[in-house]
Amino acid sequence: MTATERNLAAIAEFISGCYADVRYELLNDNPLAAAKYHLSDMEYCFAENPKIYRENEMLRFGEIAREYGVRNLIMEL
């Protein structure tokens, strides 16, 4: 998991330093999760990926990204 303030800040600062107009997408699920279950001989049991974070947490993650230079933020609440 990278959803700590320190990690989010470091990622945002790094990518915005590489390219000022970079698009940064914060997702509240893992869109690749279903494809990985077969690797553990498990059946994927969700109709859709469950949300991990509450809306206020996601909004805070977005604030951190913006504070550290991200201008083009795409968020999924």
PDB file of N, CA and C in Angstrom:
ATOM      1  N   MET A   1       0.846  -1.185   0.000  1.00  0.00           N
ATOM      2  CA  MET A   1       0.000   0.000   0.000  1.00  0.00           C
ATOM      3  C   MET A   1       0.885   1.240   0.000  1.00  0.00           C
ATOM      4  N   THR A   2       0.519   2.172  -0.823  1.00  0.00           N
ATOM      5  CA  THR A   2       1.276   3.418  -0.887  1.00  0.00           C
ATOM      6  C   THR A   2       0.506   4.586  -0.294  1.00  0.00           C
ATOM      7  N   ALA A   3      -0.607   4.318   0.336  1.00  0.00           N
ATOM      8  CA  ALA A   3      -1.482   5.395   0.814  1.00  0.00           C
ATOM      9  C   ALA A   3      -1.083   5.908   2.188  1.00  0.00           C
ATOM     10  N   THR A   4       0.147   6.354   2.282  1.00  0.00           N
ATOM     11  CA  THR A   4       0.576   7.082   3.474  1.00  0.00           C
ATOM     12  C   THR A   4       0.917   8.496   3.013  1.00  0.00           C
ATOM     13  N   GLU A   5       0.824   9.450   3.908  1.00  0.00           N
ATOM     14  CA  GLU A   5       1.101  10.830   3.523  1.00  0.00           C
ATOM     15  C   GLU A   5       2.510  10.962   2.947  1.00  0.00           C
ATOM     16  N   ARG A   6       3.454  10.320   3.568  1.00  0.00           N
ATOM     17  CA  ARG A   6       4.848  10.393   3.112  1.00  0.00           C
ATOM     18  C   ARG A   6       5.005   9.823   1.700  1.00  0.00           C
ATOM     19  N   ASN A   7       4.432   8.665   1.450  1.00  0.00           N
ATOM     20  CA  ASN A   7       4.542   8.039   0.130  1.00  0.00           C
ATOM     21  C   ASN A   7       3.821   8.846  -0.942  1.00  0.00           C
ATOM     22  N   LEU A   8       2.608   9.288  -0.632  1.00  0.00           N
ATOM     23  CA  LEU A   8       1.852  10.073  -1.608  1.00  0.00           C
ATOM     24  C   LEU A   8       2.580  11.369  -1.944  1.00  0.00           C
ATOM     25  N   ALA A   9       3.142  12.023  -0.938  1.00  0.00           N
ATOM     26  CA  ALA A   9       3.890  13.261  -1.162  1.00  0.00           C
ATOM     27  C   ALA A   9       5.118  12.998  -2.028  1.00  0.00           C
ATOM     28  N   ALA A  10       5.845  11.938  -1.726  1.00  0.00           N
ATOM     29  CA  ALA A  10       7.057  11.624  -2.489  1.00  0.00           C
ATOM     30  C   ALA A  10       6.730  11.279  -3.937  1.00  0.00           C
ATOM     31  N   ILE A  11       5.680  10.506  -4.152  1.00  0.00           N
ATOM     32  CA  ILE A  11       5.271  10.157  -5.512  1.00  0.00           C
ATOM     33  C   ILE A  11       4.865  11.412  -6.275  1.00  0.00           C
ATOM     34  N   ALA A  12       4.023  12.232  -5.663  1.00  0.00           N
ATOM     35  CA  ALA A  12       3.541  13.452  -6.316  1.00  0.00           C
ATOM     36  C   ALA A  12       4.703  14.389  -6.643  1.00  0.00           C
ATOM     37  N   GLU A  13       5.607  14.561  -5.711  1.00  0.00           N
ATOM     38  CA  GLU A  13       6.745  15.448  -5.929  1.00  0.00           C
ATOM     39  C   GLU A  13       7.646  14.922  -7.047  1.00  0.00           C
ATOM     40  N   PHE A  14       7.868  13.624  -7.051  1.00  0.00           N
ATOM     41  CA  PHE A  14       8.737  13.030  -8.074  1.00  0.00           C
ATOM     42  C   PHE A  14       8.120  13.153  -9.462  1.00  0.00           C
ATOM     43  N   ILE A  15       6.880  12.720  -9.617  1.00  0.00           N
ATOM     44  CA  ILE A  15       6.294  12.722 -10.965  1.00  0.00           C
ATOM     45  C   ILE A  15       6.063  14.135 -11.487  1.00  0.00           C
ATOM     46  N   SER A  16       5.670  15.052 -10.619  1.00  0.00           N
ATOM     47  CA  SER A  16       5.463  16.423 -11.082  1.00  0.00           C
ATOM     48  C   SER A  16       6.804  17.095 -11.383  1.00  0.00           C
ATOM     49  N   GLY A  17       7.873  16.642 -10.740  1.00  0.00           N
ATOM     50  CA  GLY A  17       9.210  17.159 -11.042  1.00  0.00           C
ATOM     51  C   GLY A  17       9.735  16.654 -12.375  1.00  0.00           C
ATOM     52  N   CYS A  18       9.291  15.470 -12.778  1.00  0.00           N
ATOM     53  CA  CYS A  18       9.708  14.915 -14.068  1.00  0.00           C
ATOM     54  C   CYS A  18       8.976  15.591 -15.224  1.00  0.00           C
ATOM     55  N   TYR A  19       7.710  15.857 -15.007  1.00  0.00           N
ATOM     56  CA  TYR A  19       6.863  16.431 -16.054  1.00  0.00           C
ATOM     57  C   TYR A  19       5.743  17.199 -15.373  1.00  0.00           C
ATOM     58  N   ALA A  20       5.768  18.504 -15.477  1.00  0.00           N
ATOM     59  CA  ALA A  20       4.844  19.362 -14.724  1.00  0.00           C
ATOM     60  C   ALA A  20       3.367  19.088 -15.025  1.00  0.00           C
ATOM     61  N   ASP A  21       3.068  18.648 -16.231  1.00  0.00           N
ATOM     62  CA  ASP A  21       1.671  18.403 -16.604  1.00  0.00           C
ATOM     63  C   ASP A  21       1.275  16.933 -16.525  1.00  0.00           C
ATOM     64  N   VAL A  22       2.033  16.155 -15.783  1.00  0.00           N
ATOM     65  CA  VAL A  22       1.744  14.732 -15.641  1.00  0.00           C
ATOM     66  C   VAL A  22       0.327  14.531 -15.092  1.00  0.00           C
ATOM     67  N   ARG A  23      -0.330  13.489 -15.532  1.00  0.00           N
ATOM     68  CA  ARG A  23      -1.632  13.110 -14.967  1.00  0.00           C
ATOM     69  C   ARG A  23      -1.391  12.050 -13.905  1.00  0.00           C
ATOM     70  N   TYR A  24      -1.968  12.286 -12.745  1.00  0.00           N
ATOM     71  CA  TYR A  24      -1.813  11.367 -11.617  1.00  0.00           C
ATOM     72  C   TYR A  24      -3.207  10.851 -11.279  1.00  0.00           C
ATOM     73  N   GLU A  25      -3.355   9.548 -11.307  1.00  0.00           N
ATOM     74  CA  GLU A  25      -4.661   8.946 -11.068  1.00  0.00           C
ATOM     75  C   GLU A  25      -4.663   8.236  -9.721  1.00  0.00           C
ATOM     76  N   LEU A  26      -5.561   8.669  -8.847  1.00  0.00           N
ATOM     77  CA  LEU A  26      -5.725   8.032  -7.534  1.00  0.00           C
ATOM     78  C   LEU A  26      -6.982   7.169  -7.594  1.00  0.00           C
ATOM     79  N   LEU A  27      -6.799   5.877  -7.450  1.00  0.00           N
ATOM     80  CA  LEU A  27      -7.911   4.933  -7.509  1.00  0.00           C
ATOM     81  C   LEU A  27      -8.242   4.428  -6.114  1.00  0.00           C
ATOM     82  N   ASN A  28      -9.499   4.123  -5.912  1.00  0.00           N
ATOM     83  CA  ASN A  28      -9.945   3.596  -4.623  1.00  0.00           C
ATOM     84  C   ASN A  28     -10.180   2.087  -4.698  1.00  0.00           C
ATOM     85  N   ASP A  29      -9.543   1.468  -5.633  1.00  0.00           N
ATOM     86  CA  ASP A  29      -9.591   0.015  -5.746  1.00  0.00           C
ATOM     87  C   ASP A  29      -8.408  -0.420  -6.591  1.00  0.00           C
ATOM     88  N   ASN A  30      -8.272  -1.698  -6.795  1.00  0.00           N
ATOM     89  CA  ASN A  30      -7.203  -2.227  -7.633  1.00  0.00           C
ATOM     90  C   ASN A  30      -7.842  -2.871  -8.853  1.00  0.00           C
ATOM     91  N   PRO A  31      -7.824  -2.189 -10.004  1.00  0.00           N
ATOM     92  CA  PRO A  31      -8.496  -2.731 -11.182  1.00  0.00           C
ATOM     93  C   PRO A  31      -7.877  -4.025 -11.701  1.00  0.00           C
ATOM     94  N   LEU A  32      -6.685  -4.355 -11.261  1.00  0.00           N
ATOM     95  CA  LEU A  32      -6.038  -5.583 -11.710  1.00  0.00           C
ATOM     96  C   LEU A  32      -6.222  -6.738 -10.738  1.00  0.00           C
ATOM     97  N   ALA A  33      -6.905  -6.510  -9.643  1.00  0.00           N
ATOM     98  CA  ALA A  33      -7.039  -7.541  -8.609  1.00  0.00           C
ATOM     99  C   ALA A  33      -7.667  -8.829  -9.144  1.00  0.00           C
ATOM    100  N   ALA A  34      -8.743  -8.709  -9.889  1.00  0.00           N
ATOM    101  CA  ALA A  34      -9.452  -9.903 -10.372  1.00  0.00           C
ATOM    102  C   ALA A  34      -8.544 -10.795 -11.203  1.00  0.00           C
ATOM    103  N   ALA A  35      -7.667 -10.195 -11.973  1.00  0.00           N
ATOM    104  CA  ALA A  35      -6.776 -10.959 -12.842  1.00  0.00           C
ATOM    105  C   ALA A  35      -5.694 -11.709 -12.076  1.00  0.00           C
ATOM    106  N   LYS A  36      -5.486 -11.383 -10.808  1.00  0.00           N
ATOM    107  CA  LYS A  36      -4.405 -11.994 -10.028  1.00  0.00           C
ATOM    108  C   LYS A  36      -4.861 -13.165  -9.157  1.00  0.00           C
ATOM    109  N   TYR A  37      -6.140 -13.322  -8.962  1.00  0.00           N
ATOM    110  CA  TYR A  37      -6.627 -14.362  -8.059  1.00  0.00           C
ATOM    111  C   TYR A  37      -6.224 -15.761  -8.509  1.00  0.00           C
ATOM    112  N   HIS A  38      -6.240 -15.997  -9.813  1.00  0.00           N
ATOM    113  CA  HIS A  38      -5.904 -17.339 -10.302  1.00  0.00           C
ATOM    114  C   HIS A  38      -4.471 -17.736  -9.931  1.00  0.00           C
ATOM    115  N   LEU A  39      -3.603 -16.774  -9.709  1.00  0.00           N
ATOM    116  CA  LEU A  39      -2.221 -17.068  -9.327  1.00  0.00           C
ATOM    117  C   LEU A  39      -2.134 -17.726  -7.959  1.00  0.00           C
ATOM    118  N   SER A  40      -3.166 -17.514  -7.147  1.00  0.00           N
ATOM    119  CA  SER A  40      -3.215 -18.119  -5.812  1.00  0.00           C
ATOM    120  C   SER A  40      -4.249 -19.226  -5.733  1.00  0.00           C
ATOM    121  N   ASP A  41      -4.696 -19.694  -6.889  1.00  0.00           N
ATOM    122  CA  ASP A  41      -5.749 -20.716  -6.955  1.00  0.00           C
ATOM    123  C   ASP A  41      -6.966 -20.319  -6.143  1.00  0.00           C
ATOM    124  N   MET A  42      -7.326 -19.050  -6.236  1.00  0.00           N
ATOM    125  CA  MET A  42      -8.496 -18.538  -5.536  1.00  0.00           C
ATOM    126  C   MET A  42      -9.508 -18.039  -6.561  1.00  0.00           C
ATOM    127  N   GLU A  43     -10.768 -18.084  -6.186  1.00  0.00           N
ATOM    128  CA  GLU A  43     -11.821 -17.565  -7.044  1.00  0.00           C
ATOM    129  C   GLU A  43     -12.131 -16.130  -6.638  1.00  0.00           C
ATOM    130  N   TYR A  44     -12.212 -15.251  -7.628  1.00  0.00           N
ATOM    131  CA  TYR A  44     -12.551 -13.856  -7.364  1.00  0.00           C
ATOM    132  C   TYR A  44     -14.022 -13.795  -7.004  1.00  0.00           C
ATOM    133  N   CYS A  45     -14.347 -13.288  -5.839  1.00  0.00           N
ATOM    134  CA  CYS A  45     -15.711 -13.392  -5.310  1.00  0.00           C
ATOM    135  C   CYS A  45     -16.485 -12.082  -5.293  1.00  0.00           C
ATOM    136  N   PHE A  46     -15.969 -11.046  -5.933  1.00  0.00           N
ATOM    137  CA  PHE A  46     -16.637  -9.746  -5.929  1.00  0.00           C
ATOM    138  C   PHE A  46     -17.266  -9.462  -7.286  1.00  0.00           C
ATOM    139  N   ALA A  47     -18.431  -8.832  -7.282  1.00  0.00           N
ATOM    140  CA  ALA A  47     -19.040  -8.400  -8.531  1.00  0.00           C
ATOM    141  C   ALA A  47     -18.220  -7.258  -9.126  1.00  0.00           C
ATOM    142  N   GLU A  48     -17.678  -6.420  -8.254  1.00  0.00           N
ATOM    143  CA  GLU A  48     -16.753  -5.357  -8.646  1.00  0.00           C
ATOM    144  C   GLU A  48     -15.773  -5.153  -7.504  1.00  0.00           C
ATOM    145  N   ASN A  49     -14.646  -4.541  -7.815  1.00  0.00           N
ATOM    146  CA  ASN A  49     -13.634  -4.338  -6.775  1.00  0.00           C
ATOM    147  C   ASN A  49     -14.194  -3.497  -5.634  1.00  0.00           C
ATOM    148  N   PRO A  50     -13.998  -3.927  -4.402  1.00  0.00           N
ATOM    149  CA  PRO A  50     -14.488  -3.141  -3.267  1.00  0.00           C
ATOM    150  C   PRO A  50     -13.654  -1.874  -3.061  1.00  0.00           C
ATOM    151  N   LYS A  51     -14.310  -0.843  -2.585  1.00  0.00           N
ATOM    152  CA  LYS A  51     -13.616   0.402  -2.250  1.00  0.00           C
ATOM    153  C   LYS A  51     -12.846   0.178  -0.955  1.00  0.00           C
ATOM    154  N   ILE A  52     -11.665   0.738  -0.868  1.00  0.00           N
ATOM    155  CA  ILE A  52     -10.814   0.540   0.300  1.00  0.00           C
ATOM    156  C   ILE A  52     -10.897   1.723   1.259  1.00  0.00           C
ATOM    157  N   TYR A  53     -10.961   2.937   0.700  1.00  0.00           N
ATOM    158  CA  TYR A  53     -10.894   4.146   1.530  1.00  0.00           C
ATOM    159  C   TYR A  53     -12.203   4.918   1.502  1.00  0.00           C
ATOM    160  N   ARG A  54     -12.476   5.610   2.587  1.00  0.00           N
ATOM    161  CA  ARG A  54     -13.657   6.474   2.652  1.00  0.00           C
ATOM    162  C   ARG A  54     -13.419   7.712   1.801  1.00  0.00           C
ATOM    163  N   GLU A  55     -14.495   8.390   1.455  1.00  0.00           N
ATOM    164  CA  GLU A  55     -14.404   9.563   0.589  1.00  0.00           C
ATOM    165  C   GLU A  55     -13.484  10.639   1.180  1.00  0.00           C
ATOM    166  N   ASN A  56     -13.602  10.882   2.479  1.00  0.00           N
ATOM    167  CA  ASN A  56     -12.760  11.912   3.091  1.00  0.00           C
ATOM    168  C   ASN A  56     -11.277  11.542   3.028  1.00  0.00           C
ATOM    169  N   GLU A  57     -10.961  10.255   3.087  1.00  0.00           N
ATOM    170  CA  GLU A  57      -9.569   9.823   2.969  1.00  0.00           C
ATOM    171  C   GLU A  57      -9.061  10.076   1.541  1.00  0.00           C
ATOM    172  N   MET A  58      -9.875   9.733   0.562  1.00  0.00           N
ATOM    173  CA  MET A  58      -9.484   9.953  -0.824  1.00  0.00           C
ATOM    174  C   MET A  58      -9.291  11.441  -1.105  1.00  0.00           C
ATOM    175  N   LEU A  59     -10.170  12.263  -0.557  1.00  0.00           N
ATOM    176  CA  LEU A  59     -10.029  13.708  -0.754  1.00  0.00           C
ATOM    177  C   LEU A  59      -8.734  14.217  -0.139  1.00  0.00           C
ATOM    178  N   ARG A  60      -8.367  13.685   0.999  1.00  0.00           N
ATOM    179  CA  ARG A  60      -7.091  14.065   1.640  1.00  0.00           C
ATOM    180  C   ARG A  60      -5.912  13.629   0.775  1.00  0.00           C
ATOM    181  N   PHE A  61      -5.993  12.440   0.194  1.00  0.00           N
ATOM    182  CA  PHE A  61      -4.924  11.974  -0.685  1.00  0.00           C
ATOM    183  C   PHE A  61      -4.755  12.942  -1.858  1.00  0.00           C
ATOM    184  N   GLY A  62      -5.870  13.417  -2.392  1.00  0.00           N
ATOM    185  CA  GLY A  62      -5.830  14.383  -3.480  1.00  0.00           C
ATOM    186  C   GLY A  62      -5.206  15.695  -3.060  1.00  0.00           C
ATOM    187  N   GLU A  63      -5.526  16.140  -1.847  1.00  0.00           N
ATOM    188  CA  GLU A  63      -4.923  17.373  -1.319  1.00  0.00           C
ATOM    189  C   GLU A  63      -3.406  17.237  -1.233  1.00  0.00           C
ATOM    190  N   ILE A  64      -2.953  16.096  -0.765  1.00  0.00           N
ATOM    191  CA  ILE A  64      -1.512  15.860  -0.639  1.00  0.00           C
ATOM    192  C   ILE A  64      -0.855  15.928  -2.016  1.00  0.00           C
ATOM    193  N   ALA A  65      -1.453  15.263  -2.994  1.00  0.00           N
ATOM    194  CA  ALA A  65      -0.902  15.269  -4.345  1.00  0.00           C
ATOM    195  C   ALA A  65      -0.788  16.691  -4.880  1.00  0.00           C
ATOM    196  N   ARG A  66      -1.825  17.467  -4.660  1.00  0.00           N
ATOM    197  CA  ARG A  66      -1.805  18.857  -5.147  1.00  0.00           C
ATOM    198  C   ARG A  66      -0.775  19.696  -4.392  1.00  0.00           C
ATOM    199  N   GLU A  67      -0.664  19.468  -3.090  1.00  0.00           N
ATOM    200  CA  GLU A  67       0.315  20.211  -2.283  1.00  0.00           C
ATOM    201  C   GLU A  67       1.736  19.969  -2.777  1.00  0.00           C
ATOM    202  N   TYR A  68       1.982  18.809  -3.349  1.00  0.00           N
ATOM    203  CA  TYR A  68       3.318  18.447  -3.799  1.00  0.00           C
ATOM    204  C   TYR A  68       3.474  18.534  -5.314  1.00  0.00           C
ATOM    205  N   GLY A  69       2.631  19.355  -5.956  1.00  0.00           N
ATOM    206  CA  GLY A  69       2.886  19.734  -7.336  1.00  0.00           C
ATOM    207  C   GLY A  69       2.022  19.149  -8.430  1.00  0.00           C
ATOM    208  N   VAL A  70       1.148  18.208  -8.120  1.00  0.00           N
ATOM    209  CA  VAL A  70       0.320  17.616  -9.173  1.00  0.00           C
ATOM    210  C   VAL A  70      -0.781  18.594  -9.565  1.00  0.00           C
ATOM    211  N   ARG A  71      -0.839  18.886 -10.863  1.00  0.00           N
ATOM    212  CA  ARG A  71      -1.857  19.813 -11.373  1.00  0.00           C
ATOM    213  C   ARG A  71      -2.996  19.087 -12.070  1.00  0.00           C
ATOM    214  N   ASN A  72      -2.695  17.938 -12.665  1.00  0.00           N
ATOM    215  CA  ASN A  72      -3.700  17.166 -13.395  1.00  0.00           C
ATOM    216  C   ASN A  72      -4.035  15.900 -12.614  1.00  0.00           C
ATOM    217  N   LEU A  73      -4.937  16.030 -11.674  1.00  0.00           N
ATOM    218  CA  LEU A  73      -5.292  14.918 -10.797  1.00  0.00           C
ATOM    219  C   LEU A  73      -6.601  14.286 -11.235  1.00  0.00           C
ATOM    220  N   ILE A  74      -6.590  12.987 -11.361  1.00  0.00           N
ATOM    221  CA  ILE A  74      -7.790  12.223 -11.669  1.00  0.00           C
ATOM    222  C   ILE A  74      -8.068  11.371 -10.442  1.00  0.00           C
ATOM    223  N   MET A  75      -9.286  11.494  -9.905  1.00  0.00           N
ATOM    224  CA  MET A  75      -9.605  10.748  -8.676  1.00  0.00           C
ATOM    225  C   MET A  75     -10.867   9.942  -8.837  1.00  0.00           C
ATOM    226  N   GLU A  76     -10.848   8.790  -8.231  1.00  0.00           N
ATOM    227  CA  GLU A  76     -12.028   7.937  -8.136  1.00  0.00           C
ATOM    228  C   GLU A  76     -12.362   7.840  -6.652  1.00  0.00           C
ATOM    229  N   LEU A  77     -13.504   8.391  -6.276  1.00  0.00           N
ATOM    230  CA  LEU A  77     -13.902   8.350  -4.872  1.00  0.00           C
ATOM    231  C   LEU A  77     -14.583   7.042  -4.580  1.00  0.00           C
TER     232      LEU A  77
END
